[in-house]
Amino acid sequence: MADDAEDSLYLQAFGRRLQALRVQRGLSQEDLAAASGLGAAEVQRVERGQRDVSVIALADLARVLDIQPADLMP
């Protein structure tokens, strides 16, 4: 089982990947939040690596970004 430091590093890498893909597609955090059904503050925390997302939220984010969920993995 991963320790807290590993978890934190993984969440940060995931957040950076999400942010990069969002920016590549010309979406603001608010745009991504509205289209995915997440709150803007939640998207902000995910991109900072401060929050993890459910499998359903992951699928919703991928759908909005027009990618496969696995493409969000760091």
PDB file of N, CA and C in Angstrom:
ATOM      1  N   MET A   1       0.841  -1.180   0.000  1.00  0.00           N
ATOM      2  CA  MET A   1       0.000   0.000   0.000  1.00  0.00           C
ATOM      3  C   MET A   1       0.888   1.245   0.000  1.00  0.00           C
ATOM      4  N   ALA A   2       0.496   2.244  -0.766  1.00  0.00           N
ATOM      5  CA  ALA A   2       1.273   3.473  -0.887  1.00  0.00           C
ATOM      6  C   ALA A   2       1.175   4.301   0.388  1.00  0.00           C
ATOM      7  N   ASP A   3       2.245   5.028   0.673  1.00  0.00           N
ATOM      8  CA  ASP A   3       2.198   5.902   1.844  1.00  0.00           C
ATOM      9  C   ASP A   3       1.648   7.270   1.450  1.00  0.00           C
ATOM     10  N   ASP A   4       1.446   8.115   2.446  1.00  0.00           N
ATOM     11  CA  ASP A   4       0.843   9.425   2.198  1.00  0.00           C
ATOM     12  C   ASP A   4       1.685  10.290   1.259  1.00  0.00           C
ATOM     13  N   ALA A   5       3.012  10.215   1.373  1.00  0.00           N
ATOM     14  CA  ALA A   5       3.885  11.014   0.505  1.00  0.00           C
ATOM     15  C   ALA A   5       3.735  10.576  -0.948  1.00  0.00           C
ATOM     16  N   GLU A   6       3.681   9.270  -1.182  1.00  0.00           N
ATOM     17  CA  GLU A   6       3.479   8.759  -2.543  1.00  0.00           C
ATOM     18  C   GLU A   6       2.130   9.189  -3.082  1.00  0.00           C
ATOM     19  N   ASP A   7       1.102   9.089  -2.250  1.00  0.00           N
ATOM     20  CA  ASP A   7      -0.240   9.508  -2.660  1.00  0.00           C
ATOM     21  C   ASP A   7      -0.235  10.973  -3.058  1.00  0.00           C
ATOM     22  N   SER A   8       0.405  11.796  -2.269  1.00  0.00           N
ATOM     23  CA  SER A   8       0.455  13.230  -2.532  1.00  0.00           C
ATOM     24  C   SER A   8       1.155  13.510  -3.860  1.00  0.00           C
ATOM     25  N   LEU A   9       2.273  12.846  -4.110  1.00  0.00           N
ATOM     26  CA  LEU A   9       2.999  13.031  -5.366  1.00  0.00           C
ATOM     27  C   LEU A   9       2.149  12.604  -6.555  1.00  0.00           C
ATOM     28  N   TYR A  10       1.427  11.505  -6.402  1.00  0.00           N
ATOM     29  CA  TYR A  10       0.571  11.021  -7.488  1.00  0.00           C
ATOM     30  C   TYR A  10      -0.559  12.010  -7.765  1.00  0.00           C
ATOM     31  N   LEU A  11      -1.194  12.517  -6.716  1.00  0.00           N
ATOM     32  CA  LEU A  11      -2.274  13.489  -6.890  1.00  0.00           C
ATOM     33  C   LEU A  11      -1.762  14.768  -7.549  1.00  0.00           C
ATOM     34  N   GLN A  12      -0.565  15.193  -7.192  1.00  0.00           N
ATOM     35  CA  GLN A  12       0.016  16.382  -7.809  1.00  0.00           C
ATOM     36  C   GLN A  12       0.289  16.142  -9.295  1.00  0.00           C
ATOM     37  N   ALA A  13       0.816  14.977  -9.631  1.00  0.00           N
ATOM     38  CA  ALA A  13       1.088  14.652 -11.035  1.00  0.00           C
ATOM     39  C   ALA A  13      -0.210  14.574 -11.828  1.00  0.00           C
ATOM     40  N   PHE A  14      -1.236  13.972 -11.227  1.00  0.00           N
ATOM     41  CA  PHE A  14      -2.545  13.900 -11.874  1.00  0.00           C
ATOM     42  C   PHE A  14      -3.093  15.306 -12.122  1.00  0.00           C
ATOM     43  N   GLY A  15      -2.980  16.163 -11.127  1.00  0.00           N
ATOM     44  CA  GLY A  15      -3.468  17.536 -11.248  1.00  0.00           C
ATOM     45  C   GLY A  15      -2.760  18.307 -12.344  1.00  0.00           C
ATOM     46  N   ARG A  16      -1.446  18.138 -12.434  1.00  0.00           N
ATOM     47  CA  ARG A  16      -0.694  18.815 -13.492  1.00  0.00           C
ATOM     48  C   ARG A  16      -1.129  18.312 -14.870  1.00  0.00           C
ATOM     49  N   ARG A  17      -1.366  17.009 -14.975  1.00  0.00           N
ATOM     50  CA  ARG A  17      -1.813  16.424 -16.251  1.00  0.00           C
ATOM     51  C   ARG A  17      -3.191  16.965 -16.623  1.00  0.00           C
ATOM     52  N   LEU A  18      -4.100  16.993 -15.664  1.00  0.00           N
ATOM     53  CA  LEU A  18      -5.438  17.521 -15.906  1.00  0.00           C
ATOM     54  C   LEU A  18      -5.362  18.979 -16.356  1.00  0.00           C
ATOM     55  N   GLN A  19      -4.575  19.768 -15.666  1.00  0.00           N
ATOM     56  CA  GLN A  19      -4.447  21.185 -16.004  1.00  0.00           C
ATOM     57  C   GLN A  19      -3.871  21.358 -17.407  1.00  0.00           C
ATOM     58  N   ALA A  20      -2.834  20.607 -17.737  1.00  0.00           N
ATOM     59  CA  ALA A  20      -2.217  20.722 -19.067  1.00  0.00           C
ATOM     60  C   ALA A  20      -3.216  20.387 -20.168  1.00  0.00           C
ATOM     61  N   LEU A  21      -3.981  19.329 -19.977  1.00  0.00           N
ATOM     62  CA  LEU A  21      -4.971  18.943 -20.987  1.00  0.00           C
ATOM     63  C   LEU A  21      -6.084  19.982 -21.092  1.00  0.00           C
ATOM     64  N   ARG A  22      -6.498  20.516 -19.968  1.00  0.00           N
ATOM     65  CA  ARG A  22      -7.536  21.554 -19.963  1.00  0.00           C
ATOM     66  C   ARG A  22      -7.061  22.780 -20.729  1.00  0.00           C
ATOM     67  N   VAL A  23      -5.841  23.223 -20.436  1.00  0.00           N
ATOM     68  CA  VAL A  23      -5.289  24.408 -21.085  1.00  0.00           C
ATOM     69  C   VAL A  23      -5.105  24.158 -22.589  1.00  0.00           C
ATOM     70  N   GLN A  24      -4.632  22.968 -22.951  1.00  0.00           N
ATOM     71  CA  GLN A  24      -4.464  22.630 -24.377  1.00  0.00           C
ATOM     72  C   GLN A  24      -5.779  22.776 -25.135  1.00  0.00           C
ATOM     73  N   ARG A  25      -6.868  22.509 -24.462  1.00  0.00           N
ATOM     74  CA  ARG A  25      -8.177  22.569 -25.113  1.00  0.00           C
ATOM     75  C   ARG A  25      -8.845  23.944 -24.972  1.00  0.00           C
ATOM     76  N   GLY A  26      -8.126  24.867 -24.368  1.00  0.00           N
ATOM     77  CA  GLY A  26      -8.627  26.233 -24.263  1.00  0.00           C
ATOM     78  C   GLY A  26      -9.779  26.396 -23.284  1.00  0.00           C
ATOM     79  N   LEU A  27      -9.829  25.540 -22.279  1.00  0.00           N
ATOM     80  CA  LEU A  27     -10.908  25.604 -21.288  1.00  0.00           C
ATOM     81  C   LEU A  27     -10.420  26.265 -20.006  1.00  0.00           C
ATOM     82  N   SER A  28     -11.268  27.063 -19.408  1.00  0.00           N
ATOM     83  CA  SER A  28     -10.972  27.587 -18.077  1.00  0.00           C
ATOM     84  C   SER A  28     -11.371  26.516 -17.053  1.00  0.00           C
ATOM     85  N   GLN A  29     -10.957  26.719 -15.827  1.00  0.00           N
ATOM     86  CA  GLN A  29     -11.388  25.796 -14.771  1.00  0.00           C
ATOM     87  C   GLN A  29     -12.895  25.820 -14.644  1.00  0.00           C
ATOM     88  N   GLU A  30     -13.472  26.990 -14.793  1.00  0.00           N
ATOM     89  CA  GLU A  30     -14.929  27.123 -14.692  1.00  0.00           C
ATOM     90  C   GLU A  30     -15.631  26.377 -15.824  1.00  0.00           C
ATOM     91  N   ASP A  31     -15.071  26.466 -17.047  1.00  0.00           N
ATOM     92  CA  ASP A  31     -15.640  25.748 -18.192  1.00  0.00           C
ATOM     93  C   ASP A  31     -15.618  24.238 -17.938  1.00  0.00           C
ATOM     94  N   LEU A  32     -14.461  23.750 -17.491  1.00  0.00           N
ATOM     95  CA  LEU A  32     -14.317  22.316 -17.228  1.00  0.00           C
ATOM     96  C   LEU A  32     -15.268  21.881 -16.123  1.00  0.00           C
ATOM     97  N   ALA A  33     -15.365  22.682 -15.095  1.00  0.00           N
ATOM     98  CA  ALA A  33     -16.245  22.357 -13.976  1.00  0.00           C
ATOM     99  C   ALA A  33     -17.697  22.272 -14.438  1.00  0.00           C
ATOM    100  N   ALA A  34     -18.146  23.272 -15.167  1.00  0.00           N
ATOM    101  CA  ALA A  34     -19.540  23.306 -15.608  1.00  0.00           C
ATOM    102  C   ALA A  34     -19.868  22.132 -16.525  1.00  0.00           C
ATOM    103  N   ALA A  35     -18.970  21.828 -17.438  1.00  0.00           N
ATOM    104  CA  ALA A  35     -19.225  20.759 -18.403  1.00  0.00           C
ATOM    105  C   ALA A  35     -19.130  19.369 -17.783  1.00  0.00           C
ATOM    106  N   SER A  36     -18.366  19.237 -16.707  1.00  0.00           N
ATOM    107  CA  SER A  36     -18.180  17.922 -16.085  1.00  0.00           C
ATOM    108  C   SER A  36     -19.112  17.681 -14.906  1.00  0.00           C
ATOM    109  N   GLY A  37     -19.774  18.745 -14.428  1.00  0.00           N
ATOM    110  CA  GLY A  37     -20.649  18.596 -13.280  1.00  0.00           C
ATOM    111  C   GLY A  37     -19.943  18.741 -11.946  1.00  0.00           C
ATOM    112  N   LEU A  38     -18.674  19.096 -11.972  1.00  0.00           N
ATOM    113  CA  LEU A  38     -17.928  19.343 -10.735  1.00  0.00           C
ATOM    114  C   LEU A  38     -18.007  20.826 -10.405  1.00  0.00           C
ATOM    115  N   GLY A  39     -17.707  21.161  -9.190  1.00  0.00           N
ATOM    116  CA  GLY A  39     -17.632  22.562  -8.811  1.00  0.00           C
ATOM    117  C   GLY A  39     -16.297  23.151  -9.232  1.00  0.00           C
ATOM    118  N   ALA A  40     -16.279  24.455  -9.493  1.00  0.00           N
ATOM    119  CA  ALA A  40     -15.034  25.111  -9.899  1.00  0.00           C
ATOM    120  C   ALA A  40     -13.968  24.969  -8.809  1.00  0.00           C
ATOM    121  N   ALA A  41     -14.355  25.095  -7.558  1.00  0.00           N
ATOM    122  CA  ALA A  41     -13.396  24.953  -6.455  1.00  0.00           C
ATOM    123  C   ALA A  41     -12.839  23.531  -6.411  1.00  0.00           C
ATOM    124  N   GLU A  42     -13.676  22.545  -6.743  1.00  0.00           N
ATOM    125  CA  GLU A  42     -13.210  21.157  -6.751  1.00  0.00           C
ATOM    126  C   GLU A  42     -12.177  20.951  -7.856  1.00  0.00           C
ATOM    127  N   VAL A  43     -12.431  21.490  -9.041  1.00  0.00           N
ATOM    128  CA  VAL A  43     -11.464  21.378 -10.138  1.00  0.00           C
ATOM    129  C   VAL A  43     -10.156  22.041  -9.722  1.00  0.00           C
ATOM    130  N   GLN A  44     -10.254  23.197  -9.090  1.00  0.00           N
ATOM    131  CA  GLN A  44      -9.067  23.901  -8.611  1.00  0.00           C
ATOM    132  C   GLN A  44      -8.251  23.026  -7.652  1.00  0.00           C
ATOM    133  N   ARG A  45      -8.916  22.405  -6.690  1.00  0.00           N
ATOM    134  CA  ARG A  45      -8.220  21.559  -5.714  1.00  0.00           C
ATOM    135  C   ARG A  45      -7.628  20.319  -6.370  1.00  0.00           C
ATOM    136  N   VAL A  46      -8.325  19.745  -7.339  1.00  0.00           N
ATOM    137  CA  VAL A  46      -7.796  18.566  -8.047  1.00  0.00           C
ATOM    138  C   VAL A  46      -6.532  18.965  -8.798  1.00  0.00           C
ATOM    139  N   GLU A  47      -6.568  20.075  -9.496  1.00  0.00           N
ATOM    140  CA  GLU A  47      -5.389  20.513 -10.246  1.00  0.00           C
ATOM    141  C   GLU A  47      -4.211  20.831  -9.338  1.00  0.00           C
ATOM    142  N   ARG A  48      -4.473  21.230  -8.123  1.00  0.00           N
ATOM    143  CA  ARG A  48      -3.396  21.500  -7.159  1.00  0.00           C
ATOM    144  C   ARG A  48      -2.897  20.237  -6.466  1.00  0.00           C
ATOM    145  N   GLY A  49      -3.566  19.125  -6.711  1.00  0.00           N
ATOM    146  CA  GLY A  49      -3.176  17.884  -6.052  1.00  0.00           C
ATOM    147  C   GLY A  49      -3.675  17.791  -4.629  1.00  0.00           C
ATOM    148  N   GLN A  50      -4.695  18.565  -4.296  1.00  0.00           N
ATOM    149  CA  GLN A  50      -5.220  18.598  -2.937  1.00  0.00           C
ATOM    150  C   GLN A  50      -6.468  17.744  -2.766  1.00  0.00           C
ATOM    151  N   ARG A  51      -6.979  17.226  -3.869  1.00  0.00           N
ATOM    152  CA  ARG A  51      -8.225  16.443  -3.818  1.00  0.00           C
ATOM    153  C   ARG A  51      -8.149  15.351  -4.842  1.00  0.00           C
ATOM    154  N   ASP A  52      -8.647  14.193  -4.482  1.00  0.00           N
ATOM    155  CA  ASP A  52      -8.732  13.139  -5.468  1.00  0.00           C
ATOM    156  C   ASP A  52     -10.173  13.039  -5.943  1.00  0.00           C
ATOM    157  N   VAL A  53     -10.381  12.403  -7.081  1.00  0.00           N
ATOM    158  CA  VAL A  53     -11.717  12.347  -7.673  1.00  0.00           C
ATOM    159  C   VAL A  53     -12.212  10.899  -7.741  1.00  0.00           C
ATOM    160  N   SER A  54     -13.518  10.768  -7.783  1.00  0.00           N
ATOM    161  CA  SER A  54     -14.122   9.445  -7.923  1.00  0.00           C
ATOM    162  C   SER A  54     -13.940   8.941  -9.353  1.00  0.00           C
ATOM    163  N   VAL A  55     -14.199   7.691  -9.545  1.00  0.00           N
ATOM    164  CA  VAL A  55     -14.129   7.094 -10.883  1.00  0.00           C
ATOM    165  C   VAL A  55     -15.145   7.780 -11.803  1.00  0.00           C
ATOM    166  N   ILE A  56     -16.311   8.084 -11.293  1.00  0.00           N
ATOM    167  CA  ILE A  56     -17.336   8.755 -12.093  1.00  0.00           C
ATOM    168  C   ILE A  56     -16.865  10.146 -12.502  1.00  0.00           C
ATOM    169  N   ALA A  57     -16.298  10.901 -11.566  1.00  0.00           N
ATOM    170  CA  ALA A  57     -15.785  12.237 -11.887  1.00  0.00           C
ATOM    171  C   ALA A  57     -14.647  12.142 -12.895  1.00  0.00           C
ATOM    172  N   LEU A  58     -13.794  11.138 -12.745  1.00  0.00           N
ATOM    173  CA  LEU A  58     -12.702  10.916 -13.694  1.00  0.00           C
ATOM    174  C   LEU A  58     -13.261  10.697 -15.098  1.00  0.00           C
ATOM    175  N   ALA A  59     -14.296   9.874 -15.209  1.00  0.00           N
ATOM    176  CA  ALA A  59     -14.923   9.608 -16.508  1.00  0.00           C
ATOM    177  C   ALA A  59     -15.551  10.883 -17.066  1.00  0.00           C
ATOM    178  N   ASP A  60     -16.169  11.689 -16.219  1.00  0.00           N
ATOM    179  CA  ASP A  60     -16.781  12.939 -16.670  1.00  0.00           C
ATOM    180  C   ASP A  60     -15.725  13.925 -17.170  1.00  0.00           C
ATOM    181  N   LEU A  61     -14.626  14.032 -16.458  1.00  0.00           N
ATOM    182  CA  LEU A  61     -13.543  14.919 -16.889  1.00  0.00           C
ATOM    183  C   LEU A  61     -12.976  14.464 -18.232  1.00  0.00           C
ATOM    184  N   ALA A  62     -12.759  13.169 -18.370  1.00  0.00           N
ATOM    185  CA  ALA A  62     -12.230  12.628 -19.623  1.00  0.00           C
ATOM    186  C   ALA A  62     -13.189  12.904 -20.780  1.00  0.00           C
ATOM    187  N   ARG A  63     -14.478  12.738 -20.541  1.00  0.00           N
ATOM    188  CA  ARG A  63     -15.478  12.982 -21.581  1.00  0.00           C
ATOM    189  C   ARG A  63     -15.397  14.425 -22.078  1.00  0.00           C
ATOM    190  N   VAL A  64     -15.324  15.369 -21.136  1.00  0.00           N
ATOM    191  CA  VAL A  64     -15.253  16.785 -21.501  1.00  0.00           C
ATOM    192  C   VAL A  64     -13.977  17.074 -22.285  1.00  0.00           C
ATOM    193  N   LEU A  65     -12.876  16.451 -21.893  1.00  0.00           N
ATOM    194  CA  LEU A  65     -11.598  16.675 -22.559  1.00  0.00           C
ATOM    195  C   LEU A  65     -11.460  15.845 -23.842  1.00  0.00           C
ATOM    196  N   ASP A  66     -12.448  15.000 -24.121  1.00  0.00           N
ATOM    197  CA  ASP A  66     -12.462  14.140 -25.309  1.00  0.00           C
ATOM    198  C   ASP A  66     -11.258  13.202 -25.347  1.00  0.00           C
ATOM    199  N   ILE A  67     -11.035  12.555 -24.209  1.00  0.00           N
ATOM    200  CA  ILE A  67      -9.944  11.589 -24.077  1.00  0.00           C
ATOM    201  C   ILE A  67     -10.470  10.374 -23.338  1.00  0.00           C
ATOM    202  N   GLN A  68      -9.671   9.336 -23.278  1.00  0.00           N
ATOM    203  CA  GLN A  68      -9.990   8.165 -22.466  1.00  0.00           C
ATOM    204  C   GLN A  68      -9.561   8.469 -21.024  1.00  0.00           C
ATOM    205  N   PRO A  69     -10.280   7.942 -20.036  1.00  0.00           N
ATOM    206  CA  PRO A  69      -9.890   8.184 -18.643  1.00  0.00           C
ATOM    207  C   PRO A  69      -8.422   7.837 -18.367  1.00  0.00           C
ATOM    208  N   ALA A  70      -7.922   6.784 -18.975  1.00  0.00           N
ATOM    209  CA  ALA A  70      -6.528   6.383 -18.756  1.00  0.00           C
ATOM    210  C   ALA A  70      -5.545   7.469 -19.212  1.00  0.00           C
ATOM    211  N   ASP A  71      -5.967   8.315 -20.152  1.00  0.00           N
ATOM    212  CA  ASP A  71      -5.090   9.384 -20.641  1.00  0.00           C
ATOM    213  C   ASP A  71      -4.850  10.461 -19.593  1.00  0.00           C
ATOM    214  N   LEU A  72      -5.649  10.474 -18.540  1.00  0.00           N
ATOM    215  CA  LEU A  72      -5.440  11.420 -17.449  1.00  0.00           C
ATOM    216  C   LEU A  72      -4.401  10.931 -16.440  1.00  0.00           C
ATOM    217  N   MET A  73      -4.062   9.679 -16.518  1.00  0.00           N
ATOM    218  CA  MET A  73      -3.116   9.126 -15.553  1.00  0.00           C
ATOM    219  C   MET A  73      -1.709   9.623 -15.839  1.00  0.00           C
ATOM    220  N   PRO A  74      -1.006  10.029 -14.792  1.00  0.00           N
ATOM    221  CA  PRO A  74       0.372  10.513 -14.981  1.00  0.00           C
ATOM    222  C   PRO A  74       1.320   9.390 -15.343  1.00  0.00           C
TER     223      PRO A  74
END
